Amino acid sequence: MDAQTKVFRTHRALAWFYALIGIGMTAVIGLATGAYVELLPMLLALLALFALHFFTARACKQGKNGGRQASIVISCLMLLGFPIGTLIGIYLLSNTWHSWEAAA
């Protein structure tokens, strides 16, 4: 499997992970307490993370250089999320470090 596909699949999985976290928070906390307004800032943050990973995944699938650059920035930020984010960040960096055109 080439590096583009690996990065695409990782971003796509992260996007849906954030979507599931938002749905789960709404279902568990919102239905239990009825505090939907208090959940709004967290849901908006999760929506932003979903959109970031979703559109980066789409750019990576199309082989755009902007997708590769966005993946590098995202992976550098994920390095701060010890330990799981660090592992994902290292994986993304290892697949985006070299130009995709040279690898193809």
PDB file of N, CA and C in Angstrom:
ATOM      1  N   MET A   1       0.856  -1.175   0.000  1.00  0.00           N
ATOM      2  CA  MET A   1       0.000   0.000   0.000  1.00  0.00           C
ATOM      3  C   MET A   1       0.901   1.237   0.000  1.00  0.00           C
ATOM      4  N   ASP A   2       0.574   2.202  -0.835  1.00  0.00           N
ATOM      5  CA  ASP A   2       1.398   3.399  -0.918  1.00  0.00           C
ATOM      6  C   ASP A   2       1.117   4.353   0.237  1.00  0.00           C
ATOM      7  N   ALA A   3       2.002   5.325   0.408  1.00  0.00           N
ATOM      8  CA  ALA A   3       1.925   6.252   1.540  1.00  0.00           C
ATOM      9  C   ALA A   3       0.666   7.113   1.484  1.00  0.00           C
ATOM     10  N   GLN A   4       0.249   7.509   0.292  1.00  0.00           N
ATOM     11  CA  GLN A   4      -0.960   8.325   0.156  1.00  0.00           C
ATOM     12  C   GLN A   4      -2.175   7.610   0.719  1.00  0.00           C
ATOM     13  N   THR A   5      -2.306   6.353   0.398  1.00  0.00           N
ATOM     14  CA  THR A   5      -3.458   5.582   0.862  1.00  0.00           C
ATOM     15  C   THR A   5      -3.425   5.401   2.367  1.00  0.00           C
ATOM     16  N   LYS A   6      -2.250   5.180   2.928  1.00  0.00           N
ATOM     17  CA  LYS A   6      -2.116   5.030   4.377  1.00  0.00           C
ATOM     18  C   LYS A   6      -2.536   6.302   5.096  1.00  0.00           C
ATOM     19  N   VAL A   7      -2.071   7.447   4.594  1.00  0.00           N
ATOM     20  CA  VAL A   7      -2.410   8.722   5.215  1.00  0.00           C
ATOM     21  C   VAL A   7      -3.899   9.015   5.045  1.00  0.00           C
ATOM     22  N   PHE A   8      -4.434   8.735   3.867  1.00  0.00           N
ATOM     23  CA  PHE A   8      -5.869   8.926   3.631  1.00  0.00           C
ATOM     24  C   PHE A   8      -6.695   8.122   4.625  1.00  0.00           C
ATOM     25  N   ARG A   9      -6.363   6.849   4.777  1.00  0.00           N
ATOM     26  CA  ARG A   9      -7.130   5.992   5.673  1.00  0.00           C
ATOM     27  C   ARG A   9      -6.998   6.420   7.135  1.00  0.00           C
ATOM     28  N   THR A  10      -5.826   6.885   7.516  1.00  0.00           N
ATOM     29  CA  THR A  10      -5.636   7.348   8.895  1.00  0.00           C
ATOM     30  C   THR A  10      -6.477   8.577   9.168  1.00  0.00           C
ATOM     31  N   HIS A  11      -6.450   9.549   8.272  1.00  0.00           N
ATOM     32  CA  HIS A  11      -7.254  10.762   8.460  1.00  0.00           C
ATOM     33  C   HIS A  11      -8.747  10.452   8.424  1.00  0.00           C
ATOM     34  N   ARG A  12      -9.144   9.564   7.542  1.00  0.00           N
ATOM     35  CA  ARG A  12     -10.549   9.191   7.477  1.00  0.00           C
ATOM     36  C   ARG A  12     -11.000   8.519   8.769  1.00  0.00           C
ATOM     37  N   ALA A  13     -10.164   7.646   9.314  1.00  0.00           N
ATOM     38  CA  ALA A  13     -10.498   6.985  10.584  1.00  0.00           C
ATOM     39  C   ALA A  13     -10.572   7.991  11.726  1.00  0.00           C
ATOM     40  N   LEU A  14      -9.652   8.945  11.753  1.00  0.00           N
ATOM     41  CA  LEU A  14      -9.681   9.966  12.805  1.00  0.00           C
ATOM     42  C   LEU A  14     -10.911  10.857  12.676  1.00  0.00           C
ATOM     43  N   ALA A  15     -11.295  11.180  11.452  1.00  0.00           N
ATOM     44  CA  ALA A  15     -12.485  12.012  11.252  1.00  0.00           C
ATOM     45  C   ALA A  15     -13.717  11.316  11.814  1.00  0.00           C
ATOM     46  N   TRP A  16     -13.894  10.049  11.495  1.00  0.00           N
ATOM     47  CA  TRP A  16     -15.069   9.335  11.992  1.00  0.00           C
ATOM     48  C   TRP A  16     -14.970   9.051  13.487  1.00  0.00           C
ATOM     49  N   PHE A  17     -13.747   8.948  14.009  1.00  0.00           N
ATOM     50  CA  PHE A  17     -13.582   8.803  15.456  1.00  0.00           C
ATOM     51  C   PHE A  17     -14.122  10.039  16.179  1.00  0.00           C
ATOM     52  N   TYR A  18     -13.767  11.230  15.672  1.00  0.00           N
ATOM     53  CA  TYR A  18     -14.266  12.464  16.287  1.00  0.00           C
ATOM     54  C   TYR A  18     -15.778  12.582  16.142  1.00  0.00           C
ATOM     55  N   ALA A  19     -16.317  12.127  15.022  1.00  0.00           N
ATOM     56  CA  ALA A  19     -17.772  12.149  14.838  1.00  0.00           C
ATOM     57  C   ALA A  19     -18.459  11.231  15.849  1.00  0.00           C
ATOM     58  N   LEU A  20     -17.908  10.050  16.051  1.00  0.00           N
ATOM     59  CA  LEU A  20     -18.487   9.117  17.018  1.00  0.00           C
ATOM     60  C   LEU A  20     -18.384   9.633  18.446  1.00  0.00           C
ATOM     61  N   ILE A  21     -17.287  10.295  18.762  1.00  0.00           N
ATOM     62  CA  ILE A  21     -17.142  10.892  20.096  1.00  0.00           C
ATOM     63  C   ILE A  21     -18.226  11.951  20.301  1.00  0.00           C
ATOM     64  N   GLY A  22     -18.463  12.795  19.301  1.00  0.00           N
ATOM     65  CA  GLY A  22     -19.506  13.818  19.411  1.00  0.00           C
ATOM     66  C   GLY A  22     -20.895  13.224  19.557  1.00  0.00           C
ATOM     67  N   ILE A  23     -21.184  12.187  18.784  1.00  0.00           N
ATOM     68  CA  ILE A  23     -22.488  11.532  18.891  1.00  0.00           C
ATOM     69  C   ILE A  23     -22.636  10.874  20.253  1.00  0.00           C
ATOM     70  N   GLY A  24     -21.571  10.232  20.707  1.00  0.00           N
ATOM     71  CA  GLY A  24     -21.617   9.584  22.019  1.00  0.00           C
ATOM     72  C   GLY A  24     -21.807  10.568  23.153  1.00  0.00           C
ATOM     73  N   MET A  25     -21.104  11.701  23.078  1.00  0.00           N
ATOM     74  CA  MET A  25     -21.270  12.723  24.118  1.00  0.00           C
ATOM     75  C   MET A  25     -22.690  13.260  24.125  1.00  0.00           C
ATOM     76  N   THR A  26     -23.238  13.488  22.964  1.00  0.00           N
ATOM     77  CA  THR A  26     -24.600  13.992  22.876  1.00  0.00           C
ATOM     78  C   THR A  26     -25.583  12.977  23.449  1.00  0.00           C
ATOM     79  N   ALA A  27     -25.385  11.714  23.102  1.00  0.00           N
ATOM     80  CA  ALA A  27     -26.305  10.681  23.571  1.00  0.00           C
ATOM     81  C   ALA A  27     -26.205  10.473  25.069  1.00  0.00           C
ATOM     82  N   VAL A  28     -25.004  10.339  25.588  1.00  0.00           N
ATOM     83  CA  VAL A  28     -24.833  10.012  27.005  1.00  0.00           C
ATOM     84  C   VAL A  28     -25.091  11.212  27.902  1.00  0.00           C
ATOM     85  N   ILE A  29     -24.375  12.300  27.659  1.00  0.00           N
ATOM     86  CA  ILE A  29     -24.490  13.459  28.547  1.00  0.00           C
ATOM     87  C   ILE A  29     -25.763  14.250  28.253  1.00  0.00           C
ATOM     88  N   GLY A  30     -26.044  14.456  26.977  1.00  0.00           N
ATOM     89  CA  GLY A  30     -27.212  15.253  26.617  1.00  0.00           C
ATOM     90  C   GLY A  30     -28.525  14.617  27.040  1.00  0.00           C
ATOM     91  N   LEU A  31     -28.672  13.353  26.753  1.00  0.00           N
ATOM     92  CA  LEU A  31     -29.919  12.690  27.123  1.00  0.00           C
ATOM     93  C   LEU A  31     -30.051  12.484  28.626  1.00  0.00           C
ATOM     94  N   ALA A  32     -28.923  12.270  29.296  1.00  0.00           N
ATOM     95  CA  ALA A  32     -28.968  12.030  30.741  1.00  0.00           C
ATOM     96  C   ALA A  32     -29.279  13.300  31.520  1.00  0.00           C
ATOM     97  N   THR A  33     -28.698  14.412  31.096  1.00  0.00           N
ATOM     98  CA  THR A  33     -28.866  15.652  31.864  1.00  0.00           C
ATOM     99  C   THR A  33     -29.724  16.683  31.151  1.00  0.00           C
ATOM    100  N   GLY A  34     -29.880  16.556  29.854  1.00  0.00           N
ATOM    101  CA  GLY A  34     -30.623  17.556  29.095  1.00  0.00           C
ATOM    102  C   GLY A  34     -29.839  18.840  28.886  1.00  0.00           C
ATOM    103  N   ALA A  35     -28.526  18.800  29.134  1.00  0.00           N
ATOM    104  CA  ALA A  35     -27.681  19.988  29.044  1.00  0.00           C
ATOM    105  C   ALA A  35     -27.052  20.080  27.652  1.00  0.00           C
ATOM    106  N   TYR A  36     -27.876  20.313  26.644  1.00  0.00           N
ATOM    107  CA  TYR A  36     -27.367  20.392  25.279  1.00  0.00           C
ATOM    108  C   TYR A  36     -26.609  21.682  25.020  1.00  0.00           C
ATOM    109  N   VAL A  37     -27.017  22.764  25.649  1.00  0.00           N
ATOM    110  CA  VAL A  37     -26.360  24.051  25.422  1.00  0.00           C
ATOM    111  C   VAL A  37     -24.940  24.023  25.972  1.00  0.00           C
ATOM    112  N   GLU A  38     -24.738  23.341  27.092  1.00  0.00           N
ATOM    113  CA  GLU A  38     -23.412  23.252  27.669  1.00  0.00           C
ATOM    114  C   GLU A  38     -22.477  22.382  26.832  1.00  0.00           C
ATOM    115  N   LEU A  39     -23.038  21.482  26.047  1.00  0.00           N
ATOM    116  CA  LEU A  39     -22.240  20.618  25.169  1.00  0.00           C
ATOM    117  C   LEU A  39     -21.822  21.305  23.876  1.00  0.00           C
ATOM    118  N   LEU A  40     -22.456  22.410  23.544  1.00  0.00           N
ATOM    119  CA  LEU A  40     -22.239  23.043  22.247  1.00  0.00           C
ATOM    120  C   LEU A  40     -20.775  23.403  21.966  1.00  0.00           C
ATOM    121  N   PRO A  41     -20.016  24.015  22.888  1.00  0.00           N
ATOM    122  CA  PRO A  41     -18.608  24.316  22.562  1.00  0.00           C
ATOM    123  C   PRO A  41     -17.782  23.064  22.256  1.00  0.00           C
ATOM    124  N   MET A  42     -17.993  22.009  23.012  1.00  0.00           N
ATOM    125  CA  MET A  42     -17.245  20.779  22.762  1.00  0.00           C
ATOM    126  C   MET A  42     -17.662  20.146  21.441  1.00  0.00           C
ATOM    127  N   LEU A  43     -18.942  20.181  21.138  1.00  0.00           N
ATOM    128  CA  LEU A  43     -19.412  19.617  19.872  1.00  0.00           C
ATOM    129  C   LEU A  43     -18.887  20.414  18.679  1.00  0.00           C
ATOM    130  N   LEU A  44     -18.799  21.720  18.819  1.00  0.00           N
ATOM    131  CA  LEU A  44     -18.237  22.543  17.742  1.00  0.00           C
ATOM    132  C   LEU A  44     -16.755  22.258  17.541  1.00  0.00           C
ATOM    133  N   ALA A  45     -16.021  22.042  18.634  1.00  0.00           N
ATOM    134  CA  ALA A  45     -14.602  21.694  18.526  1.00  0.00           C
ATOM    135  C   ALA A  45     -14.435  20.336  17.838  1.00  0.00           C
ATOM    136  N   LEU A  46     -15.279  19.377  18.210  1.00  0.00           N
ATOM    137  CA  LEU A  46     -15.214  18.060  17.567  1.00  0.00           C
ATOM    138  C   LEU A  46     -15.616  18.141  16.093  1.00  0.00           C
ATOM    139  N   LEU A  47     -16.571  18.986  15.776  1.00  0.00           N
ATOM    140  CA  LEU A  47     -16.962  19.188  14.383  1.00  0.00           C
ATOM    141  C   LEU A  47     -15.809  19.790  13.578  1.00  0.00           C
ATOM    142  N   ALA A  48     -15.088  20.736  14.173  1.00  0.00           N
ATOM    143  CA  ALA A  48     -13.933  21.328  13.496  1.00  0.00           C
ATOM    144  C   ALA A  48     -12.844  20.287  13.257  1.00  0.00           C
ATOM    145  N   LEU A  49     -12.590  19.430  14.244  1.00  0.00           N
ATOM    146  CA  LEU A  49     -11.593  18.370  14.070  1.00  0.00           C
ATOM    147  C   LEU A  49     -12.039  17.364  13.016  1.00  0.00           C
ATOM    148  N   PHE A  50     -13.329  17.039  13.012  1.00  0.00           N
ATOM    149  CA  PHE A  50     -13.868  16.145  11.984  1.00  0.00           C
ATOM    150  C   PHE A  50     -13.638  16.737  10.601  1.00  0.00           C
ATOM    151  N   ALA A  51     -13.994  18.000  10.424  1.00  0.00           N
ATOM    152  CA  ALA A  51     -13.855  18.647   9.116  1.00  0.00           C
ATOM    153  C   ALA A  51     -12.385  18.731   8.694  1.00  0.00           C
ATOM    154  N   LEU A  52     -11.502  19.038   9.629  1.00  0.00           N
ATOM    155  CA  LEU A  52     -10.076  19.125   9.323  1.00  0.00           C
ATOM    156  C   LEU A  52      -9.552  17.791   8.795  1.00  0.00           C
ATOM    157  N   HIS A  53      -9.841  16.720   9.484  1.00  0.00           N
ATOM    158  CA  HIS A  53      -9.367  15.406   9.052  1.00  0.00           C
ATOM    159  C   HIS A  53     -10.091  14.926   7.792  1.00  0.00           C
ATOM    160  N   PHE A  54     -11.378  15.228   7.675  1.00  0.00           N
ATOM    161  CA  PHE A  54     -12.145  14.794   6.511  1.00  0.00           C
ATOM    162  C   PHE A  54     -11.611  15.418   5.227  1.00  0.00           C
ATOM    163  N   PHE A  55     -11.404  16.741   5.243  1.00  0.00           N
ATOM    164  CA  PHE A  55     -10.936  17.417   4.035  1.00  0.00           C
ATOM    165  C   PHE A  55      -9.465  17.128   3.754  1.00  0.00           C
ATOM    166  N   THR A  56      -8.675  16.900   4.798  1.00  0.00           N
ATOM    167  CA  THR A  56      -7.288  16.495   4.587  1.00  0.00           C
ATOM    168  C   THR A  56      -7.239  15.104   3.968  1.00  0.00           C
ATOM    169  N   ALA A  57      -8.108  14.215   4.433  1.00  0.00           N
ATOM    170  CA  ALA A  57      -8.157  12.870   3.859  1.00  0.00           C
ATOM    171  C   ALA A  57      -8.525  12.924   2.382  1.00  0.00           C
ATOM    172  N   ARG A  58      -9.486  13.760   2.046  1.00  0.00           N
ATOM    173  CA  ARG A  58      -9.903  13.870   0.645  1.00  0.00           C
ATOM    174  C   ARG A  58      -8.771  14.410  -0.227  1.00  0.00           C
ATOM    175  N   ALA A  59      -8.023  15.405   0.287  1.00  0.00           N
ATOM    176  CA  ALA A  59      -6.897  15.950  -0.471  1.00  0.00           C
ATOM    177  C   ALA A  59      -5.785  14.920  -0.612  1.00  0.00           C
ATOM    178  N   CYS A  60      -5.576  14.115   0.419  1.00  0.00           N
ATOM    179  CA  CYS A  60      -4.560  13.061   0.341  1.00  0.00           C
ATOM    180  C   CYS A  60      -4.955  11.995  -0.664  1.00  0.00           C
ATOM    181  N   LYS A  61      -6.214  11.649  -0.708  1.00  0.00           N
ATOM    182  CA  LYS A  61      -6.682  10.634  -1.661  1.00  0.00           C
ATOM    183  C   LYS A  61      -6.479  11.106  -3.098  1.00  0.00           C
ATOM    184  N   GLN A  62      -6.653  12.409  -3.318  1.00  0.00           N
ATOM    185  CA  GLN A  62      -6.474  12.966  -4.651  1.00  0.00           C
ATOM    186  C   GLN A  62      -5.008  13.218  -4.982  1.00  0.00           C
ATOM    187  N   GLY A  63      -4.124  13.020  -4.002  1.00  0.00           N
ATOM    188  CA  GLY A  63      -2.694  13.197  -4.232  1.00  0.00           C
ATOM    189  C   GLY A  63      -2.233  14.636  -4.263  1.00  0.00           C
ATOM    190  N   LYS A  64      -2.992  15.525  -3.677  1.00  0.00           N
ATOM    191  CA  LYS A  64      -2.631  16.940  -3.685  1.00  0.00           C
ATOM    192  C   LYS A  64      -1.513  17.212  -2.680  1.00  0.00           C
ATOM    193  N   ASN A  65      -0.641  18.137  -3.067  1.00  0.00           N
ATOM    194  CA  ASN A  65       0.462  18.504  -2.186  1.00  0.00           C
ATOM    195  C   ASN A  65      -0.050  19.220  -0.934  1.00  0.00           C
ATOM    196  N   GLY A  66      -1.167  19.929  -1.045  1.00  0.00           N
ATOM    197  CA  GLY A  66      -1.754  20.593   0.121  1.00  0.00           C
ATOM    198  C   GLY A  66      -2.207  19.594   1.172  1.00  0.00           C
ATOM    199  N   GLY A  67      -2.691  18.443   0.747  1.00  0.00           N
ATOM    200  CA  GLY A  67      -3.067  17.391   1.682  1.00  0.00           C
ATOM    201  C   GLY A  67      -1.863  16.855   2.421  1.00  0.00           C
ATOM    202  N   ARG A  68      -0.761  16.698   1.710  1.00  0.00           N
ATOM    203  CA  ARG A  68       0.470  16.235   2.339  1.00  0.00           C
ATOM    204  C   ARG A  68       0.982  17.252   3.350  1.00  0.00           C
ATOM    205  N   GLN A  69       0.953  18.523   2.979  1.00  0.00           N
ATOM    206  CA  GLN A  69       1.418  19.563   3.890  1.00  0.00           C
ATOM    207  C   GLN A  69       0.514  19.691   5.111  1.00  0.00           C
ATOM    208  N   ALA A  70      -0.792  19.602   4.909  1.00  0.00           N
ATOM    209  CA  ALA A  70      -1.716  19.642   6.042  1.00  0.00           C
ATOM    210  C   ALA A  70      -1.496  18.452   6.964  1.00  0.00           C
ATOM    211  N   SER A  71      -1.199  17.289   6.378  1.00  0.00           N
ATOM    212  CA  SER A  71      -0.925  16.102   7.181  1.00  0.00           C
ATOM    213  C   SER A  71       0.327  16.279   8.023  1.00  0.00           C
ATOM    214  N   ILE A  72       1.336  16.934   7.469  1.00  0.00           N
ATOM    215  CA  ILE A  72       2.566  17.182   8.226  1.00  0.00           C
ATOM    216  C   ILE A  72       2.283  18.092   9.408  1.00  0.00           C
ATOM    217  N   VAL A  73       1.502  19.150   9.189  1.00  0.00           N
ATOM    218  CA  VAL A  73       1.172  20.079  10.278  1.00  0.00           C
ATOM    219  C   VAL A  73       0.341  19.376  11.344  1.00  0.00           C
ATOM    220  N   ILE A  74      -0.659  18.617  10.926  1.00  0.00           N
ATOM    221  CA  ILE A  74      -1.511  17.901  11.869  1.00  0.00           C
ATOM    222  C   ILE A  74      -0.705  16.884  12.659  1.00  0.00           C
ATOM    223  N   SER A  75       0.178  16.162  11.972  1.00  0.00           N
ATOM    224  CA  SER A  75       0.959  15.143  12.671  1.00  0.00           C
ATOM    225  C   SER A  75       1.932  15.758  13.663  1.00  0.00           C
ATOM    226  N   CYS A  76       2.484  16.921  13.354  1.00  0.00           N
ATOM    227  CA  CYS A  76       3.362  17.597  14.316  1.00  0.00           C
ATOM    228  C   CYS A  76       2.578  18.017  15.561  1.00  0.00           C
ATOM    229  N   LEU A  77       1.351  18.472  15.375  1.00  0.00           N
ATOM    230  CA  LEU A  77       0.515  18.825  16.528  1.00  0.00           C
ATOM    231  C   LEU A  77       0.109  17.580  17.319  1.00  0.00           C
ATOM    232  N   MET A  78      -0.108  16.477  16.618  1.00  0.00           N
ATOM    233  CA  MET A  78      -0.502  15.245  17.307  1.00  0.00           C
ATOM    234  C   MET A  78       0.630  14.661  18.132  1.00  0.00           C
ATOM    235  N   LEU A  79       1.858  15.018  17.837  1.00  0.00           N
ATOM    236  CA  LEU A  79       2.983  14.522  18.625  1.00  0.00           C
ATOM    237  C   LEU A  79       2.866  14.938  20.090  1.00  0.00           C
ATOM    238  N   LEU A  80       2.145  16.010  20.363  1.00  0.00           N
ATOM    239  CA  LEU A  80       1.976  16.485  21.735  1.00  0.00           C
ATOM    240  C   LEU A  80       0.979  15.650  22.526  1.00  0.00           C
ATOM    241  N   GLY A  81       0.166  14.852  21.855  1.00  0.00           N
ATOM    242  CA  GLY A  81      -0.867  14.067  22.523  1.00  0.00           C
ATOM    243  C   GLY A  81      -0.351  12.714  22.973  1.00  0.00           C
ATOM    244  N   PHE A  82       0.478  12.707  23.986  1.00  0.00           N
ATOM    245  CA  PHE A  82       1.104  11.475  24.473  1.00  0.00           C
ATOM    246  C   PHE A  82       0.079  10.570  25.115  1.00  0.00           C
ATOM    247  N   PRO A  83       0.094   9.302  24.914  1.00  0.00           N
ATOM    248  CA  PRO A  83       0.939   8.460  24.069  1.00  0.00           C
ATOM    249  C   PRO A  83       0.301   8.124  22.722  1.00  0.00           C
ATOM    250  N   ILE A  84      -1.048   8.107  22.645  1.00  0.00           N
ATOM    251  CA  ILE A  84      -1.706   7.662  21.412  1.00  0.00           C
ATOM    252  C   ILE A  84      -1.482   8.658  20.275  1.00  0.00           C
ATOM    253  N   GLY A  85      -1.661   9.933  20.553  1.00  0.00           N
ATOM    254  CA  GLY A  85      -1.452  10.948  19.527  1.00  0.00           C
ATOM    255  C   GLY A  85      -0.030  10.964  19.020  1.00  0.00           C
ATOM    256  N   THR A  86       0.927  10.688  19.904  1.00  0.00           N
ATOM    257  CA  THR A  86       2.322  10.632  19.498  1.00  0.00           C
ATOM    258  C   THR A  86       2.548   9.498  18.504  1.00  0.00           C
ATOM    259  N   LEU A  87       1.973   8.351  18.785  1.00  0.00           N
ATOM    260  CA  LEU A  87       2.129   7.216  17.867  1.00  0.00           C
ATOM    261  C   LEU A  87       1.483   7.493  16.515  1.00  0.00           C
ATOM    262  N   ILE A  88       0.294   8.078  16.525  1.00  0.00           N
ATOM    263  CA  ILE A  88      -0.377   8.407  15.266  1.00  0.00           C
ATOM    264  C   ILE A  88       0.408   9.483  14.522  1.00  0.00           C
ATOM    265  N   GLY A  89       0.918  10.471  15.255  1.00  0.00           N
ATOM    266  CA  GLY A  89       1.715  11.528  14.633  1.00  0.00           C
ATOM    267  C   GLY A  89       2.981  11.001  13.987  1.00  0.00           C
ATOM    268  N   ILE A  90       3.661  10.077  14.656  1.00  0.00           N
ATOM    269  CA  ILE A  90       4.862   9.473  14.081  1.00  0.00           C
ATOM    270  C   ILE A  90       4.507   8.678  12.825  1.00  0.00           C
ATOM    271  N   TYR A  91       3.415   7.938  12.875  1.00  0.00           N
ATOM    272  CA  TYR A  91       2.973   7.162  11.711  1.00  0.00           C
ATOM    273  C   TYR A  91       2.666   8.083  10.529  1.00  0.00           C
ATOM    274  N   LEU A  92       1.949   9.179  10.793  1.00  0.00           N
ATOM    275  CA  LEU A  92       1.628  10.114   9.710  1.00  0.00           C
ATOM    276  C   LEU A  92       2.889  10.783   9.172  1.00  0.00           C
ATOM    277  N   LEU A  93       3.781  11.184  10.070  1.00  0.00           N
ATOM    278  CA  LEU A  93       5.024  11.821   9.620  1.00  0.00           C
ATOM    279  C   LEU A  93       5.865  10.874   8.771  1.00  0.00           C
ATOM    280  N   SER A  94       5.911   9.612   9.169  1.00  0.00           N
ATOM    281  CA  SER A  94       6.725   8.667   8.413  1.00  0.00           C
ATOM    282  C   SER A  94       6.169   8.456   7.000  1.00  0.00           C
ATOM    283  N   ASN A  95       4.877   8.653   6.824  1.00  0.00           N
ATOM    284  CA  ASN A  95       4.272   8.479   5.500  1.00  0.00           C
ATOM    285  C   ASN A  95       4.172   9.772   4.699  1.00  0.00           C
ATOM    286  N   THR A  96       4.429  10.894   5.312  1.00  0.00           N
ATOM    287  CA  THR A  96       4.369  12.166   4.586  1.00  0.00           C
ATOM    288  C   THR A  96       5.729  12.836   4.461  1.00  0.00           C
ATOM    289  N   TRP A  97       6.745  12.242   5.034  1.00  0.00           N
ATOM    290  CA  TRP A  97       8.056  12.887   5.065  1.00  0.00           C
ATOM    291  C   TRP A  97       8.626  13.086   3.666  1.00  0.00           C
ATOM    292  N   HIS A  98       8.517  12.075   2.820  1.00  0.00           N
ATOM    293  CA  HIS A  98       9.030  12.157   1.458  1.00  0.00           C
ATOM    294  C   HIS A  98       7.896  12.490   0.494  1.00  0.00           C
ATOM    295  N   SER A  99       8.258  13.121  -0.601  1.00  0.00           N
ATOM    296  CA  SER A  99       7.284  13.509  -1.610  1.00  0.00           C
ATOM    297  C   SER A  99       6.560  12.281  -2.155  1.00  0.00           C
ATOM    298  N   TRP A 100       5.248  12.380  -2.311  1.00  0.00           N
ATOM    299  CA  TRP A 100       4.465  11.254  -2.813  1.00  0.00           C
ATOM    300  C   TRP A 100       4.720  10.992  -4.275  1.00  0.00           C
ATOM    301  N   GLU A 101       5.066  12.011  -5.036  1.00  0.00           N
ATOM    302  CA  GLU A 101       5.327  11.804  -6.465  1.00  0.00           C
ATOM    303  C   GLU A 101       6.560  10.934  -6.662  1.00  0.00           C
ATOM    304  N   ALA A 102       7.560  11.103  -5.808  1.00  0.00           N
ATOM    305  CA  ALA A 102       8.792  10.322  -5.920  1.00  0.00           C
ATOM    306  C   ALA A 102       8.542   8.874  -5.541  1.00  0.00           C
ATOM    307  N   ALA A 103       7.614   8.662  -4.618  1.00  0.00           N
ATOM    308  CA  ALA A 103       7.326   7.293  -4.169  1.00  0.00           C
ATOM    309  C   ALA A 103       6.459   6.545  -5.179  1.00  0.00           C
ATOM    310  N   ALA A 104       5.688   7.278  -5.986  1.00  0.00           N
ATOM    311  CA  ALA A 104       4.769   6.618  -6.933  1.00  0.00           C
ATOM    312  C   ALA A 104       5.480   6.102  -8.152  1.00  0.00           C
TER     313      ALA A 104
END
